[in-house]
Amino acid sequence: MAFFTNLFARTSDEEGQGLTEYALIIALIAVAVVGLLGGLGTQIGTAFTSITTSLAAALP
């Protein structure tokens, strides 16, 4: 019985669990940002083009 208790004590180490959870959260946020920018990419590009055109027309 002591063997199993010792084995369980060594395998229940949770030090790396927090790091893994943070890595999964960061990966999820990265996927969401890529999806958001992919969906809004053309609209953002159009807005910057409009701003550039307006600034170019206003400058002498």
Protein backbone atom coordinates (compact mmCIF):
# COMPACT_ATOMS: atom_id res chain seq x y z
CA MET A 1 0.00 0.00 0.00
CA ALA A 2 2.87 2.36 0.72
CA PHE A 3 4.11 1.84 -2.84
CA PHE A 4 0.84 3.12 -4.32
CA THR A 5 0.72 6.05 -1.91
CA ASN A 6 4.24 7.05 -2.87
CA LEU A 7 3.48 6.60 -6.57
CA PHE A 8 0.34 8.73 -6.32
CA ALA A 9 2.23 11.45 -4.44
CA ARG A 10 4.81 11.65 -7.22
CA THR A 11 2.29 11.66 -10.06
CA SER A 12 -0.07 14.25 -8.60
CA ASP A 13 2.41 17.08 -9.07
CA GLU A 14 0.45 20.08 -10.38
CA GLU A 15 3.25 22.62 -10.82
CA GLY A 16 3.06 22.60 -14.63
CA GLN A 17 -0.73 22.67 -14.73
CA GLY A 18 -0.97 26.46 -14.33
CA LEU A 19 1.51 27.07 -17.12
CA THR A 20 -0.43 24.77 -19.43
CA GLU A 21 -3.68 26.58 -18.66
CA TYR A 22 -2.10 29.96 -19.39
CA ALA A 23 -0.69 28.63 -22.67
CA LEU A 24 -4.12 27.37 -23.72
CA ILE A 25 -5.73 30.72 -22.86
CA ILE A 26 -3.09 32.62 -24.85
CA ALA A 27 -3.56 30.27 -27.81
CA LEU A 28 -7.34 30.78 -27.69
CA ILE A 29 -6.90 34.56 -27.61
CA ALA A 30 -4.48 34.38 -30.55
CA VAL A 31 -6.95 32.34 -32.61
CA ALA A 32 -9.72 34.82 -31.80
CA VAL A 33 -7.56 37.81 -32.80
CA VAL A 34 -6.54 36.17 -36.07
CA GLY A 35 -10.17 35.38 -36.86
CA LEU A 36 -11.28 38.90 -35.99
CA LEU A 37 -8.58 40.54 -38.07
CA GLY A 38 -9.27 38.15 -40.94
CA GLY A 39 -12.94 39.10 -40.92
CA LEU A 40 -12.35 42.83 -40.54
CA GLY A 41 -9.15 43.03 -42.60
CA THR A 42 -10.77 44.39 -45.74
CA GLN A 43 -12.79 46.98 -43.81
CA ILE A 44 -9.69 48.17 -41.96
CA GLY A 45 -7.78 48.37 -45.24
CA THR A 46 -10.58 50.39 -46.83
CA ALA A 47 -10.61 52.79 -43.86
CA PHE A 48 -6.84 53.36 -44.07
CA THR A 49 -7.09 53.89 -47.83
CA SER A 50 -9.83 56.48 -47.30
CA ILE A 51 -7.75 58.28 -44.66
CA THR A 52 -4.66 58.26 -46.89
CA THR A 53 -6.65 59.63 -49.83
CA SER A 54 -8.16 62.39 -47.68
CA LEU A 55 -4.77 63.39 -46.29
CA ALA A 56 -3.18 63.38 -49.74
CA ALA A 57 -5.92 65.65 -51.07
CA ALA A 58 -5.61 68.06 -48.11
CA LEU A 59 -1.86 68.48 -48.45
CA PRO A 60 -0.51 70.87 -51.07
